[in-house]
N, C-alpha and C. Protein backbone atom coordinates (compact mmCIF):
# COMPACT_ATOMS: atom_id res chain seq x y z
N MET A 1 31.44 23.01 -71.06
CA MET A 1 29.97 22.77 -70.40
C MET A 1 29.32 24.13 -70.45
N THR A 2 28.11 24.25 -70.80
CA THR A 2 27.37 25.50 -70.62
C THR A 2 26.22 25.36 -70.25
N ALA A 3 25.43 25.88 -69.40
CA ALA A 3 23.89 25.72 -69.18
C ALA A 3 23.25 26.95 -69.13
N ARG A 4 22.08 26.66 -70.07
CA ARG A 4 21.32 28.05 -70.10
C ARG A 4 20.16 27.94 -69.04
N LEU A 5 19.71 29.18 -68.62
CA LEU A 5 18.70 29.06 -67.58
C LEU A 5 17.55 28.26 -68.00
N PHE A 6 17.08 27.53 -66.90
CA PHE A 6 15.80 26.67 -67.00
C PHE A 6 15.94 25.66 -68.29
N GLN A 7 16.88 24.72 -68.06
CA GLN A 7 17.17 23.76 -69.06
C GLN A 7 17.45 22.63 -68.19
N PRO A 8 16.87 21.52 -68.52
CA PRO A 8 17.14 20.18 -67.74
C PRO A 8 18.63 19.95 -67.61
N CYS A 9 19.08 19.66 -66.22
CA CYS A 9 20.50 19.29 -66.17
C CYS A 9 20.58 18.31 -65.01
N VAL A 10 21.55 17.44 -65.22
CA VAL A 10 22.16 16.51 -64.14
C VAL A 10 23.25 17.31 -63.50
N TYR A 11 23.52 17.09 -62.18
CA TYR A 11 24.69 17.66 -61.61
C TYR A 11 25.24 16.86 -60.53
N MET A 12 26.54 17.18 -60.26
CA MET A 12 27.16 16.53 -58.98
C MET A 12 27.79 17.65 -58.26
N LEU A 13 27.60 17.64 -56.99
CA LEU A 13 28.22 18.48 -56.05
C LEU A 13 29.21 17.48 -55.06
N ALA A 14 30.21 18.19 -54.65
CA ALA A 14 31.22 17.50 -53.67
C ALA A 14 31.53 18.50 -52.68
N SER A 15 31.72 17.72 -51.56
CA SER A 15 32.35 18.54 -50.28
C SER A 15 33.68 19.09 -50.30
N GLU A 16 34.55 18.18 -51.08
CA GLU A 16 35.80 18.70 -51.45
C GLU A 16 36.39 17.50 -52.37
N ARG A 17 37.65 17.67 -52.85
CA ARG A 17 38.21 16.88 -53.84
C ARG A 17 37.91 15.46 -53.21
N ASN A 18 37.57 14.56 -53.92
CA ASN A 18 37.32 12.93 -53.39
C ASN A 18 36.53 12.99 -52.15
N GLY A 19 35.43 13.98 -51.95
CA GLY A 19 34.83 13.92 -50.57
C GLY A 19 33.39 13.45 -50.74
N THR A 20 32.44 13.94 -50.01
CA THR A 20 31.12 13.36 -50.15
C THR A 20 30.56 13.91 -51.32
N LEU A 21 29.79 13.07 -52.24
CA LEU A 21 29.18 13.44 -53.42
C LEU A 21 27.84 13.44 -53.45
N TYR A 22 27.00 14.31 -54.23
CA TYR A 22 25.55 14.25 -54.23
C TYR A 22 25.26 14.52 -55.75
N THR A 23 24.40 13.67 -56.21
CA THR A 23 23.73 13.79 -57.57
C THR A 23 22.37 14.23 -57.69
N GLY A 24 22.14 15.35 -58.35
CA GLY A 24 20.84 15.69 -58.56
C GLY A 24 20.42 16.05 -59.88
N VAL A 25 19.08 16.43 -60.13
CA VAL A 25 18.58 16.84 -61.27
C VAL A 25 17.83 18.27 -61.05
N THR A 26 17.52 19.04 -62.02
CA THR A 26 16.92 20.29 -61.94
C THR A 26 16.50 20.93 -63.21
N ARG A 27 15.82 21.67 -63.53
CA ARG A 27 15.62 22.63 -64.58
C ARG A 27 16.22 23.92 -64.47
N ASP A 28 16.57 24.31 -63.18
CA ASP A 28 17.30 25.58 -63.00
C ASP A 28 18.74 25.42 -62.22
N LEU A 29 19.58 25.14 -63.09
CA LEU A 29 20.84 24.69 -62.32
C LEU A 29 21.56 26.02 -61.63
N PRO A 30 21.46 27.22 -61.94
CA PRO A 30 22.13 28.12 -61.36
C PRO A 30 21.38 28.56 -60.18
N GLY A 31 20.05 28.34 -60.00
CA GLY A 31 19.18 28.63 -58.76
C GLY A 31 19.60 27.40 -57.62
N ARG A 32 19.39 26.11 -58.33
CA ARG A 32 19.60 25.07 -57.47
C ARG A 32 20.96 24.95 -56.72
N ALA A 33 21.94 25.40 -57.65
CA ALA A 33 23.37 25.21 -57.22
C ALA A 33 23.52 26.43 -56.13
N TRP A 34 22.97 27.56 -56.22
CA TRP A 34 22.89 28.43 -55.24
C TRP A 34 22.44 28.26 -53.94
N GLU A 35 21.15 27.45 -54.09
CA GLU A 35 20.42 26.86 -52.57
C GLU A 35 21.40 25.95 -51.89
N HIS A 36 22.10 25.04 -52.71
CA HIS A 36 23.18 24.11 -52.00
C HIS A 36 24.21 24.94 -51.42
N ARG A 37 24.73 25.86 -52.33
CA ARG A 37 26.05 26.63 -51.84
C ARG A 37 25.55 27.40 -50.44
N GLU A 38 24.34 27.95 -50.50
CA GLU A 38 23.96 28.88 -49.29
C GLU A 38 23.53 28.06 -48.19
N GLY A 39 23.20 26.71 -48.40
CA GLY A 39 22.22 25.93 -47.33
C GLY A 39 21.02 26.34 -47.35
N ALA A 40 20.55 26.69 -48.13
CA ALA A 40 19.11 27.26 -48.12
C ALA A 40 17.92 26.42 -47.95
N THR A 41 18.16 25.12 -48.12
CA THR A 41 17.37 24.09 -47.85
C THR A 41 17.87 23.12 -47.07
N SER A 42 17.08 22.41 -46.17
CA SER A 42 17.74 21.27 -45.33
C SER A 42 17.84 19.98 -46.13
N GLY A 43 18.64 19.21 -45.60
CA GLY A 43 18.78 17.95 -46.13
C GLY A 43 20.18 17.48 -46.36
N PHE A 44 20.71 16.50 -46.97
CA PHE A 44 21.73 15.83 -47.18
C PHE A 44 22.89 16.62 -47.38
N THR A 45 22.91 17.85 -48.48
CA THR A 45 23.83 18.57 -48.87
C THR A 45 24.19 19.56 -47.81
N ARG A 46 23.09 20.30 -47.13
CA ARG A 46 23.52 20.90 -45.95
C ARG A 46 24.06 20.21 -44.68
N ARG A 47 23.78 19.18 -44.57
CA ARG A 47 24.14 18.44 -43.44
C ARG A 47 25.58 17.92 -43.53
N TYR A 48 25.81 17.51 -44.73
CA TYR A 48 27.33 17.08 -45.01
C TYR A 48 28.31 18.18 -45.57
N GLY A 49 27.76 19.24 -45.80
CA GLY A 49 28.42 20.55 -46.43
C GLY A 49 28.98 20.29 -47.81
N VAL A 50 28.04 19.68 -48.47
CA VAL A 50 28.22 19.41 -50.16
C VAL A 50 27.99 20.58 -50.65
N LYS A 51 28.70 21.37 -51.23
CA LYS A 51 28.39 22.80 -51.89
C LYS A 51 28.95 23.10 -53.34
N THR A 52 30.15 22.45 -53.55
CA THR A 52 30.95 22.52 -54.78
C THR A 52 30.24 21.85 -56.08
N LEU A 53 29.92 22.63 -56.90
CA LEU A 53 29.46 22.17 -58.23
C LEU A 53 30.65 21.71 -59.06
N VAL A 54 30.79 20.38 -59.11
CA VAL A 54 32.03 19.83 -59.95
C VAL A 54 31.55 19.19 -61.13
N TRP A 55 30.53 19.03 -61.70
CA TRP A 55 30.13 18.47 -62.83
C TRP A 55 28.60 18.73 -63.15
N PHE A 56 28.29 18.82 -64.51
CA PHE A 56 27.08 19.01 -64.86
C PHE A 56 26.72 18.65 -66.23
N GLU A 57 25.49 18.23 -66.49
CA GLU A 57 25.21 17.69 -67.94
C GLU A 57 23.97 18.13 -68.50
N VAL A 58 23.86 18.88 -69.42
CA VAL A 58 22.50 19.55 -69.99
C VAL A 58 21.73 18.49 -70.89
N HIS A 59 20.53 18.41 -70.80
CA HIS A 59 19.69 17.49 -71.51
C HIS A 59 18.56 18.13 -72.24
N ALA A 60 18.10 17.51 -73.19
CA ALA A 60 16.85 18.23 -73.95
C ALA A 60 15.50 18.19 -73.22
N THR A 61 15.39 17.11 -72.50
CA THR A 61 14.13 16.72 -71.83
C THR A 61 14.36 16.67 -70.24
N MET A 62 13.52 16.84 -69.52
CA MET A 62 13.52 16.49 -68.02
C MET A 62 13.47 14.95 -67.85
N GLU A 63 12.77 14.45 -68.84
CA GLU A 63 12.68 12.94 -68.79
C GLU A 63 14.08 12.24 -68.99
N ASP A 64 14.72 12.89 -70.18
CA ASP A 64 16.14 12.38 -70.27
C ASP A 64 17.13 12.72 -68.96
N ALA A 65 16.84 14.06 -68.58
CA ALA A 65 17.87 14.14 -67.31
C ALA A 65 17.79 13.21 -66.04
N ILE A 66 16.23 12.85 -65.85
CA ILE A 66 15.92 12.16 -64.63
C ILE A 66 16.49 10.66 -65.05
N LEU A 67 16.49 10.26 -66.08
CA LEU A 67 16.89 8.80 -66.46
C LEU A 67 18.33 8.89 -66.15
N ARG A 68 19.02 9.76 -66.74
CA ARG A 68 20.52 9.79 -66.58
C ARG A 68 20.92 9.93 -65.20
N GLU A 69 20.10 10.77 -64.33
CA GLU A 69 20.47 10.95 -62.89
C GLU A 69 20.16 9.62 -62.13
N LYS A 70 19.22 8.77 -62.45
CA LYS A 70 19.12 7.56 -61.78
C LYS A 70 20.02 6.67 -62.36
N ARG A 71 20.50 6.70 -63.51
CA ARG A 71 21.59 5.76 -63.89
C ARG A 71 22.98 5.96 -62.80
N ILE A 72 23.32 7.31 -63.02
CA ILE A 72 24.60 7.71 -62.41
C ILE A 72 24.42 7.44 -60.74
N LYS A 73 23.26 7.34 -60.22
CA LYS A 73 22.99 7.31 -58.92
C LYS A 73 23.43 5.68 -58.64
N GLY A 74 23.17 4.79 -59.47
CA GLY A 74 23.54 3.61 -59.57
C GLY A 74 24.96 2.96 -59.55
N TRP A 75 25.68 4.00 -60.16
CA TRP A 75 26.99 3.82 -60.40
C TRP A 75 27.91 3.66 -59.38
N THR A 76 29.22 2.99 -59.28
CA THR A 76 29.94 2.97 -58.22
C THR A 76 30.69 4.50 -57.96
N ARG A 77 31.30 4.61 -56.83
CA ARG A 77 31.79 5.96 -56.56
C ARG A 77 33.04 6.11 -57.47
N ALA A 78 33.45 5.10 -57.71
CA ALA A 78 34.84 5.22 -58.67
C ALA A 78 34.24 5.76 -60.24
N TRP A 79 33.25 5.27 -60.65
CA TRP A 79 32.71 5.81 -61.94
C TRP A 79 32.30 7.11 -61.67
N LYS A 80 31.81 7.47 -60.77
CA LYS A 80 31.53 9.13 -60.54
C LYS A 80 32.56 9.95 -60.47
N ILE A 81 33.60 9.38 -59.70
CA ILE A 81 34.65 10.05 -59.67
C ILE A 81 35.64 10.45 -61.08
N ALA A 82 35.44 9.38 -62.07
CA ALA A 82 35.98 9.31 -63.11
C ALA A 82 35.27 10.34 -64.11
N LEU A 83 34.07 10.16 -63.98
CA LEU A 83 33.27 11.15 -64.84
C LEU A 83 33.36 12.68 -64.50
N ILE A 84 33.55 12.90 -63.18
CA ILE A 84 33.92 14.29 -62.74
C ILE A 84 35.26 14.69 -63.35
N GLU A 85 36.14 13.77 -63.16
CA GLU A 85 37.63 13.98 -63.57
C GLU A 85 37.91 14.03 -65.19
N THR A 86 37.09 13.63 -65.98
CA THR A 86 36.85 13.60 -67.36
C THR A 86 36.91 15.16 -67.85
N ASP A 87 35.85 15.73 -67.18
CA ASP A 87 35.70 17.24 -67.65
C ASP A 87 36.07 18.18 -66.59
N ASN A 88 36.54 17.80 -65.37
CA ASN A 88 36.96 18.98 -64.37
C ASN A 88 38.04 18.20 -63.25
N PRO A 89 39.52 17.87 -64.12
CA PRO A 89 40.22 17.02 -63.27
C PRO A 89 40.68 17.85 -62.17
N ARG A 90 40.62 19.00 -61.89
CA ARG A 90 41.06 19.80 -60.76
C ARG A 90 39.93 19.88 -59.66
N TRP A 91 38.59 19.36 -59.90
CA TRP A 91 37.67 19.62 -59.07
C TRP A 91 37.17 21.25 -58.71
N LEU A 92 37.38 21.84 -59.84
CA LEU A 92 37.00 23.34 -59.53
C LEU A 92 35.66 23.60 -59.42
N ASP A 93 35.27 24.59 -58.72
CA ASP A 93 33.71 24.99 -58.51
C ASP A 93 33.47 25.49 -60.03
N LEU A 94 32.20 24.88 -60.40
CA LEU A 94 31.87 25.26 -61.87
C LEU A 94 30.45 26.32 -61.80
N TYR A 95 30.37 26.73 -60.36
CA TYR A 95 29.19 27.49 -60.17
C TYR A 95 29.20 28.99 -61.09
N GLU A 96 30.54 29.61 -60.87
CA GLU A 96 30.65 30.82 -61.78
C GLU A 96 30.47 30.66 -63.12
N THR A 97 30.84 29.49 -63.62
CA THR A 97 30.86 29.34 -65.31
C THR A 97 29.38 29.18 -65.77
N LEU A 98 28.43 29.02 -64.91
CA LEU A 98 26.86 29.14 -65.37
C LEU A 98 26.49 30.52 -65.58
N PHE A 99 27.24 31.58 -65.38
CA PHE A 99 26.79 32.90 -65.82
C PHE A 99 27.87 33.42 -66.69
N SER A 100 28.65 32.75 -67.31
CA SER A 100 29.56 33.33 -68.44
C SER A 100 29.20 32.93 -69.69
């Protein structure tokens, strides 16, 4: 998985392995992931300590990314966990991979 700056992405964060999950969409994954990590904005992720980037998917257009985000948000928790574990079975923080 690789993401270029300012490319539409869907992403999932976790508080810990099998912990609280958050699904979001952005054009700036490194910047948005940093905001979550640092608690720079108020809301769900700061309130529940959801900071670890465990999965992301790059899209050609923002419209595609938004559609995918909405679909994933409608999934069961088990499906979301399976999606994460397909690419990241150890639930590693992928934040640093955004810069390599």
